[in-house]
Amino acid sequence: MSFPKLGFEETLLERVVSPKRCVGCGACVLVCPFGCLEYFEQQSRLVKKCEVCGICPRACPRYEYSQQDLEQLVFGRKREPTDEFGIYQRLVLSQTTDTNIAPIGQDGGIVTTLVTYAMKNGLIDGALLSGVSRDKPFHPTPVLAATPAEVLRCAGTRYTYSPNLLAIREALEQKRNSLAFVGTPCQIQAIRKMEAAKLRKFTGKIRFAIGLMCTESFTYQGLMEKQVQETLGIKLHDIKKMNIKGKIIVTTYSGDVKTISLAEAKRYTRKSCLSCQDFSAELADISAGGLGLDGWTMTIARTERGRELFEAAEKVGVVRTRPVEEAKNSLNLLVKLSKKKRSHTSTLK
């Protein structure tokens, strides 16, 4: 991929931000060498005159994006029609054996377990994750976790968007040497696009990119403040956990469980999610998702380094596995959702 030196206004503002296609990943804000951009209300905006360096469009996963080029970069080949949910080396159901992670991790607790295992064994010295804001209850925020305890505090899923890429700034300031990144498919796309553009300052320390399966995310104001707080009557400070199993399930610290239909929640879908064509984070080293499973995670080791990390954790017994054939409905759902997302009209050109 080659890019002329074009400014923010004639590239990302005109073709991504103004048409409401900005996913809010923060990649352009991260890579701007002149501090011209600011992250505001889940998108980027100019705060001073653009220096026209041409760098920001090279990082954006919604500008001049080629999935096939990035597949070639990551896997050495392009996806074939038979790769129904992307290229991979191993597909299993997995579950943590860590009794500290199991009660608070999402589904099988695998992402938290793998990141913790990598940190405890010196494979990484930091993890770029989604934590919870101190100012807004159950509002996700980018976090650089430097200890297993900090990783554990980030366990679980928030269904509103967190620009985890922005945590790379703190990792650079702290001179971290080896990182795990956990994020949504669009964020994984941004990482791979930066790798393709040789923006190594921002991606060179990322050793493992772990992708979370994602159909869409919702606005905080709509899902959390209007639907959960006002309609369900749940104080956001009281939420212990949220999950999606054919409906959104909200569990409080007192043990109360209330649900929201997906049809109701979809009113609050972020508009930029509607053009996404990647359900299962097909460019990640490892992809993970619940897919209707109870206490288990559908785990896809895609790259060699992803498979090696997973199998190292499996070998020492911090994760257990089952054949994916034991959950045919979940496997069928993985294929169905991948095809559905891929069939969305592309707006990435």
Protein backbone atom coordinates (compact mmCIF):
# COMPACT_ATOMS: atom_id res chain seq x y z
CA MET A 1 0.00 0.00 0.00
CA SER A 2 1.36 3.41 -0.94
CA PHE A 3 0.07 6.74 0.27
CA PRO A 4 0.75 10.26 -0.98
CA LYS A 5 1.35 12.96 1.60
CA LEU A 6 -2.20 14.12 2.15
CA GLY A 7 -3.59 16.02 5.12
CA PHE A 8 -6.22 14.99 7.64
CA GLU A 9 -8.89 17.23 6.15
CA GLU A 10 -8.73 15.82 2.62
CA THR A 11 -8.46 12.20 3.76
CA LEU A 12 -9.90 11.18 7.12
CA LEU A 13 -12.13 14.17 7.73
CA GLU A 14 -13.66 14.06 4.27
CA ARG A 15 -13.92 10.31 3.80
CA VAL A 16 -14.12 8.84 7.29
CA VAL A 17 -15.11 11.29 10.03
CA SER A 18 -17.70 13.44 8.24
CA PRO A 19 -19.53 10.44 6.67
CA LYS A 20 -19.82 8.90 10.19
CA ARG A 21 -17.55 5.97 9.31
CA CYS A 22 -14.96 6.66 12.02
CA VAL A 23 -14.84 3.67 14.38
CA GLY A 24 -13.25 5.74 17.12
CA CYS A 25 -10.16 3.54 17.44
CA GLY A 26 -7.88 6.53 18.00
CA ALA A 27 -5.14 5.28 15.66
CA CYS A 28 -4.85 8.61 13.82
CA VAL A 29 -4.60 10.53 17.09
CA LEU A 30 -1.94 8.11 18.31
CA VAL A 31 0.35 8.39 15.27
CA CYS A 32 0.12 12.14 14.57
CA PRO A 33 3.69 13.38 15.18
CA PHE A 34 2.66 17.02 15.56
CA GLY A 35 -0.19 16.71 18.03
CA CYS A 36 -2.67 18.11 15.52
CA LEU A 37 -5.43 15.68 16.44
CA GLU A 38 -7.50 15.14 19.57
CA TYR A 39 -9.79 12.28 20.58
CA PHE A 40 -13.21 13.78 21.26
CA GLU A 41 -16.58 12.05 21.62
CA GLN A 42 -15.23 8.81 20.15
CA GLN A 43 -13.72 10.32 17.02
CA SER A 44 -10.77 12.48 16.00
CA ARG A 45 -10.79 16.21 15.38
CA LEU A 46 -8.22 18.83 14.41
CA VAL A 47 -7.05 21.05 17.24
CA LYS A 48 -4.44 22.94 15.22
CA LYS A 49 -3.39 23.28 11.60
CA CYS A 50 -2.55 19.95 9.95
CA GLU A 51 1.10 19.63 8.93
CA VAL A 52 0.17 17.37 5.96
CA CYS A 53 2.65 14.61 6.84
CA GLY A 54 0.40 11.89 5.38
CA ILE A 55 0.79 9.58 8.36
CA CYS A 56 -2.72 9.48 9.85
CA PRO A 57 -4.46 7.84 6.85
CA ARG A 58 -1.80 5.12 6.90
CA ALA A 59 -3.07 4.02 10.32
CA CYS A 60 -6.84 4.31 9.80
CA PRO A 61 -8.73 1.02 9.34
CA ARG A 62 -11.47 2.82 7.41
CA TYR A 63 -9.32 4.58 4.82
CA GLU A 64 -7.86 2.83 1.75
CA TYR A 65 -8.12 -0.48 3.57
CA SER A 66 -7.24 -3.83 1.97
CA GLN A 67 -8.07 -6.95 3.97
CA GLN A 68 -6.28 -9.16 1.46
CA ASP A 69 -3.04 -7.19 1.68
CA LEU A 70 -3.07 -7.47 5.44
CA GLU A 71 -3.86 -11.19 5.33
CA GLN A 72 -0.78 -11.58 3.16
CA LEU A 73 1.23 -9.61 5.71
CA VAL A 74 0.03 -11.58 8.75
CA PHE A 75 -0.37 -15.10 7.34
CA GLY A 76 1.68 -15.14 4.14
CA ARG A 77 -1.45 -15.87 2.11
CA LYS A 78 -4.92 -14.55 1.42
CA ARG A 79 -8.10 -16.04 2.78
CA GLU A 80 -9.74 -18.69 0.61
CA PRO A 81 -13.53 -19.09 0.34
CA THR A 82 -13.23 -22.19 2.51
CA ASP A 83 -11.75 -20.06 5.32
CA GLU A 84 -15.24 -19.19 6.49
CA PHE A 85 -14.13 -17.27 9.58
CA GLY A 86 -10.62 -16.41 8.54
CA ILE A 87 -7.26 -18.16 8.48
CA TYR A 88 -6.28 -20.14 11.57
CA GLN A 89 -4.12 -22.95 12.91
CA ARG A 90 -6.23 -24.28 15.76
CA LEU A 91 -9.87 -24.03 16.85
CA VAL A 92 -11.01 -25.25 20.29
CA LEU A 93 -13.32 -24.56 23.19
CA SER A 94 -11.30 -23.42 26.19
CA GLN A 95 -11.76 -22.51 29.83
CA THR A 96 -9.57 -21.10 32.56
CA THR A 97 -8.57 -23.24 35.52
CA ASP A 98 -7.67 -20.18 37.59
CA THR A 99 -10.18 -19.88 40.44
CA ASN A 100 -9.48 -16.15 40.74
CA ILE A 101 -10.29 -15.47 37.10
CA ALA A 102 -13.22 -17.85 36.57
CA PRO A 103 -15.84 -15.92 38.62
CA ILE A 104 -15.15 -12.54 36.98
CA GLY A 105 -13.78 -13.38 33.53
CA GLN A 106 -16.05 -13.35 30.50
CA ASP A 107 -17.34 -16.78 29.45
CA GLY A 108 -14.32 -19.10 29.83
CA GLY A 109 -11.98 -16.39 31.09
CA ILE A 110 -9.42 -17.25 28.43
CA VAL A 111 -8.23 -13.79 27.42
CA THR A 112 -7.50 -12.75 31.00
CA THR A 113 -5.78 -16.09 31.60
CA LEU A 114 -3.55 -15.90 28.52
CA VAL A 115 -2.51 -12.31 29.24
CA THR A 116 -1.80 -13.17 32.89
CA TYR A 117 0.17 -16.27 31.88
CA ALA A 118 2.25 -14.28 29.40
CA MET A 119 3.00 -11.64 32.03
CA LYS A 120 3.91 -14.08 34.80
CA ASN A 121 6.26 -15.94 32.47
CA GLY A 122 8.10 -12.87 31.19
CA LEU A 123 6.69 -12.98 27.67
CA ILE A 124 5.27 -9.48 28.10
CA ASP A 125 5.82 -6.62 30.53
CA GLY A 126 2.54 -4.87 29.88
CA ALA A 127 -0.94 -5.33 28.46
CA LEU A 128 -3.08 -2.83 26.56
CA LEU A 129 -6.62 -3.48 27.75
CA SER A 130 -10.04 -2.02 28.43
CA GLY A 131 -10.57 -1.08 32.07
CA VAL A 132 -13.34 0.80 33.85
CA SER A 133 -13.40 4.58 34.16
CA ARG A 134 -13.09 6.13 37.59
CA ASP A 135 -15.50 8.88 36.61
CA LYS A 136 -18.27 6.95 34.85
CA PRO A 137 -19.56 3.63 36.24
CA PHE A 138 -19.10 0.66 33.91
CA HIS A 139 -17.66 2.95 31.25
CA PRO A 140 -14.67 1.39 29.44
CA THR A 141 -11.37 3.21 29.21
CA PRO A 142 -7.92 2.31 27.78
CA VAL A 143 -5.56 0.84 30.37
CA LEU A 144 -1.91 -0.18 30.42
CA ALA A 145 -1.80 -3.07 32.89
CA ALA A 146 1.64 -3.79 34.30
CA THR A 147 0.84 -6.52 36.86
CA PRO A 148 -1.40 -9.60 36.95
CA ALA A 149 -3.56 -7.83 39.54
CA GLU A 150 -4.09 -4.94 37.13
CA VAL A 151 -4.96 -7.39 34.36
CA LEU A 152 -7.54 -9.04 36.62
CA ARG A 153 -9.18 -5.69 37.34
CA CYS A 154 -9.84 -5.35 33.61
CA ALA A 155 -11.55 -8.74 33.28
CA GLY A 156 -15.02 -8.92 31.77
CA THR A 157 -16.67 -7.18 28.85
CA ARG A 158 -18.16 -3.72 28.52
CA TYR A 159 -20.37 -3.32 25.48
CA THR A 160 -19.55 0.32 24.83
CA TYR A 161 -16.42 1.31 22.94
CA SER A 162 -12.95 1.73 24.44
CA PRO A 163 -10.11 3.15 22.24
CA ASN A 164 -7.49 0.74 23.62
CA LEU A 165 -4.90 1.89 21.08
CA LEU A 166 -4.49 5.12 23.01
CA ALA A 167 -2.91 3.16 25.87
CA ILE A 168 0.12 2.68 23.58
CA ARG A 169 1.14 6.24 24.47
CA GLU A 170 1.62 5.31 28.11
CA ALA A 171 3.50 2.14 27.13
CA LEU A 172 5.90 4.26 25.08
CA GLU A 173 6.38 6.73 27.93
CA GLN A 174 7.15 3.86 30.33
CA LYS A 175 9.47 2.22 27.77
CA ARG A 176 7.68 -1.12 27.92
CA ASN A 177 9.46 -3.75 25.83
CA SER A 178 6.85 -6.40 25.08
CA LEU A 179 3.09 -5.99 25.08
CA ALA A 180 -0.14 -7.87 24.64
CA PHE A 181 -2.98 -5.96 23.00
CA VAL A 182 -6.62 -6.92 23.48
CA GLY A 183 -9.26 -5.24 21.37
CA THR A 184 -12.06 -5.36 18.85
CA PRO A 185 -11.65 -6.41 15.19
CA CYS A 186 -11.38 -2.80 13.98
CA GLN A 187 -8.58 -2.14 16.46
CA ILE A 188 -6.72 -5.25 15.32
CA GLN A 189 -7.11 -3.98 11.74
CA ALA A 190 -5.55 -0.66 12.77
CA ILE A 191 -2.57 -2.46 14.33
CA ARG A 192 -1.99 -4.52 11.19
CA LYS A 193 -2.35 -1.46 8.99
CA MET A 194 0.26 0.36 11.07
CA GLU A 195 2.51 -2.67 10.76
CA ALA A 196 2.09 -2.61 6.99
CA ALA A 197 2.97 1.10 6.97
CA LYS A 198 6.08 0.32 9.06
CA LEU A 199 4.97 2.55 11.93
CA ARG A 200 7.07 0.40 14.24
CA LYS A 201 7.24 3.01 16.99
CA PHE A 202 3.62 2.16 17.79
CA THR A 203 3.40 -1.54 16.96
CA GLY A 204 6.93 -2.87 17.30
CA LYS A 205 6.49 -3.80 20.95
CA ILE A 206 3.17 -5.60 20.49
CA ARG A 207 3.99 -9.30 20.76
CA PHE A 208 0.45 -10.69 20.92
CA ALA A 209 -2.68 -9.19 19.36
CA ILE A 210 -5.78 -10.80 20.84
CA GLY A 211 -9.09 -10.04 19.14
CA LEU A 212 -12.56 -10.10 20.68
CA MET A 213 -15.40 -11.35 18.52
CA CYS A 214 -17.80 -8.46 17.99
CA THR A 215 -21.08 -7.93 16.17
CA GLU A 216 -21.36 -4.28 17.26
CA SER A 217 -20.87 -1.96 20.20
CA PHE A 218 -23.40 0.44 21.69
CA THR A 219 -23.41 4.03 22.82
CA TYR A 220 -22.91 4.52 26.54
CA GLN A 221 -25.65 7.12 26.73
CA GLY A 222 -28.14 4.85 24.98
CA LEU A 223 -27.42 1.38 26.34
CA MET A 224 -26.13 2.18 29.80
CA GLU A 225 -27.77 5.43 30.84
CA LYS A 226 -31.12 5.13 29.06
CA GLN A 227 -31.74 1.39 28.84
CA VAL A 228 -29.96 -0.06 31.89
CA GLN A 229 -30.26 2.84 34.31
CA GLU A 230 -33.55 4.48 33.35
CA THR A 231 -35.57 1.60 31.90
CA LEU A 232 -34.30 -1.32 33.99
CA GLY A 233 -33.77 0.81 37.08
CA ILE A 234 -30.27 -0.50 37.74
CA LYS A 235 -27.72 1.92 39.14
CA LEU A 236 -24.60 1.65 37.01
CA HIS A 237 -22.39 1.45 40.11
CA ASP A 238 -24.25 -1.76 41.04
CA ILE A 239 -23.41 -3.70 37.85
CA LYS A 240 -21.15 -6.68 38.45
CA LYS A 241 -21.18 -8.16 34.97
CA MET A 242 -22.80 -7.99 31.53
CA ASN A 243 -22.98 -10.67 28.87
CA ILE A 244 -24.77 -11.42 25.62
CA LYS A 245 -26.44 -14.80 25.13
CA GLY A 246 -29.18 -14.10 22.60
CA LYS A 247 -30.02 -11.11 24.80
CA ILE A 248 -28.06 -8.72 27.02
CA ILE A 249 -27.83 -10.03 30.56
CA VAL A 250 -27.10 -7.58 33.38
CA THR A 251 -26.04 -9.00 36.75
CA THR A 252 -25.74 -6.83 39.86
CA TYR A 253 -23.54 -7.29 42.93
CA SER A 254 -26.66 -8.17 44.92
CA GLY A 255 -27.39 -11.06 42.54
CA ASP A 256 -30.28 -9.53 40.61
CA VAL A 257 -30.38 -10.45 36.92
CA LYS A 258 -32.24 -8.42 34.31
CA THR A 259 -32.22 -8.67 30.53
CA ILE A 260 -32.49 -6.48 27.46
CA SER A 261 -33.58 -7.87 24.10
CA LEU A 262 -31.07 -7.46 21.30
CA ALA A 263 -33.77 -5.81 19.21
CA GLU A 264 -34.12 -3.15 21.90
CA ALA A 265 -30.36 -2.73 22.32
CA LYS A 266 -29.75 -2.37 18.59
CA ARG A 267 -31.39 1.05 18.71
CA TYR A 268 -28.18 2.18 20.38
CA THR A 269 -25.71 0.55 17.98
CA ARG A 270 -22.82 2.83 17.03
CA LYS A 271 -23.38 3.80 13.40
CA SER A 272 -19.79 3.10 12.39
CA CYS A 273 -20.26 -0.55 13.39
CA LEU A 274 -22.81 -1.05 10.64
CA SER A 275 -20.18 -1.18 7.88
CA CYS A 276 -17.81 -3.55 9.70
CA GLN A 277 -17.04 -6.76 7.82
CA ASP A 278 -15.06 -8.62 10.47
CA PHE A 279 -16.86 -10.50 13.24
CA SER A 280 -14.11 -12.71 14.63
CA ALA A 281 -11.02 -10.47 14.48
CA GLU A 282 -9.58 -12.35 11.52
CA LEU A 283 -6.20 -10.59 11.65
CA ALA A 284 -5.50 -11.34 15.32
CA ASP A 285 -2.96 -13.80 16.70
CA ILE A 286 -5.76 -15.28 18.81
CA SER A 287 -9.50 -14.62 18.57
CA ALA A 288 -11.94 -15.29 21.39
CA GLY A 289 -15.70 -15.12 21.90
CA GLY A 290 -18.59 -16.60 23.86
CA LEU A 291 -20.94 -17.52 20.98
CA GLY A 292 -23.68 -18.73 23.29
CA LEU A 293 -21.37 -20.99 25.27
CA ASP A 294 -21.85 -21.37 29.02
CA GLY A 295 -18.55 -20.97 30.85
CA TRP A 296 -16.40 -21.69 27.79
CA THR A 297 -14.73 -19.59 25.12
CA MET A 298 -14.53 -20.28 21.40
CA THR A 299 -10.80 -19.85 20.84
CA ILE A 300 -9.12 -19.45 17.45
CA ALA A 301 -5.32 -19.56 17.37
CA ARG A 302 -4.58 -17.94 14.02
CA THR A 303 -0.85 -17.27 13.84
CA GLU A 304 2.08 -19.38 14.95
CA ARG A 305 2.87 -17.06 17.84
CA GLY A 306 -0.78 -17.15 18.91
CA ARG A 307 -0.88 -20.93 18.81
CA GLU A 308 2.40 -21.18 20.72
CA LEU A 309 1.12 -18.90 23.49
CA PHE A 310 -2.14 -20.81 23.80
CA GLU A 311 -0.50 -24.23 23.80
CA ALA A 312 2.12 -23.15 26.34
CA ALA A 313 -0.68 -22.10 28.70
CA GLU A 314 -2.53 -25.32 27.95
CA LYS A 315 0.57 -27.43 28.63
CA VAL A 316 1.03 -26.08 32.16
CA GLY A 317 -2.66 -26.51 32.87
CA VAL A 318 -3.87 -22.94 33.29
CA VAL A 319 -6.41 -23.58 30.52
CA ARG A 320 -8.39 -26.69 29.68
CA THR A 321 -9.85 -27.48 26.28
CA ARG A 322 -12.66 -29.39 24.60
CA PRO A 323 -13.13 -30.27 20.93
CA VAL A 324 -15.11 -27.65 19.07
CA GLU A 325 -17.27 -30.46 17.64
CA GLU A 326 -18.93 -30.67 21.07
CA ALA A 327 -20.53 -27.29 20.45
CA LYS A 328 -21.86 -27.51 16.91
CA ASN A 329 -24.42 -24.76 17.46
CA SER A 330 -21.68 -22.35 18.51
CA LEU A 331 -19.52 -23.32 15.55
CA ASN A 332 -22.46 -22.80 13.21
CA LEU A 333 -23.04 -19.40 14.83
CA LEU A 334 -19.39 -18.46 14.26
CA VAL A 335 -19.77 -19.24 10.56
CA LYS A 336 -23.14 -17.52 10.30
CA LEU A 337 -22.05 -14.28 11.98
CA SER A 338 -18.79 -14.19 10.01
CA LYS A 339 -20.68 -14.50 6.73
CA LYS A 340 -23.24 -11.93 7.81
CA LYS A 341 -20.59 -9.36 8.70
CA ARG A 342 -18.61 -10.03 5.53
CA SER A 343 -21.73 -9.46 3.44
CA HIS A 344 -22.14 -5.90 4.75
CA THR A 345 -21.75 -3.34 2.00
CA SER A 346 -18.14 -2.28 2.07
CA THR A 347 -17.49 1.36 2.90
CA LEU A 348 -13.79 0.93 3.47
CA LYS A 349 -12.61 2.28 0.11
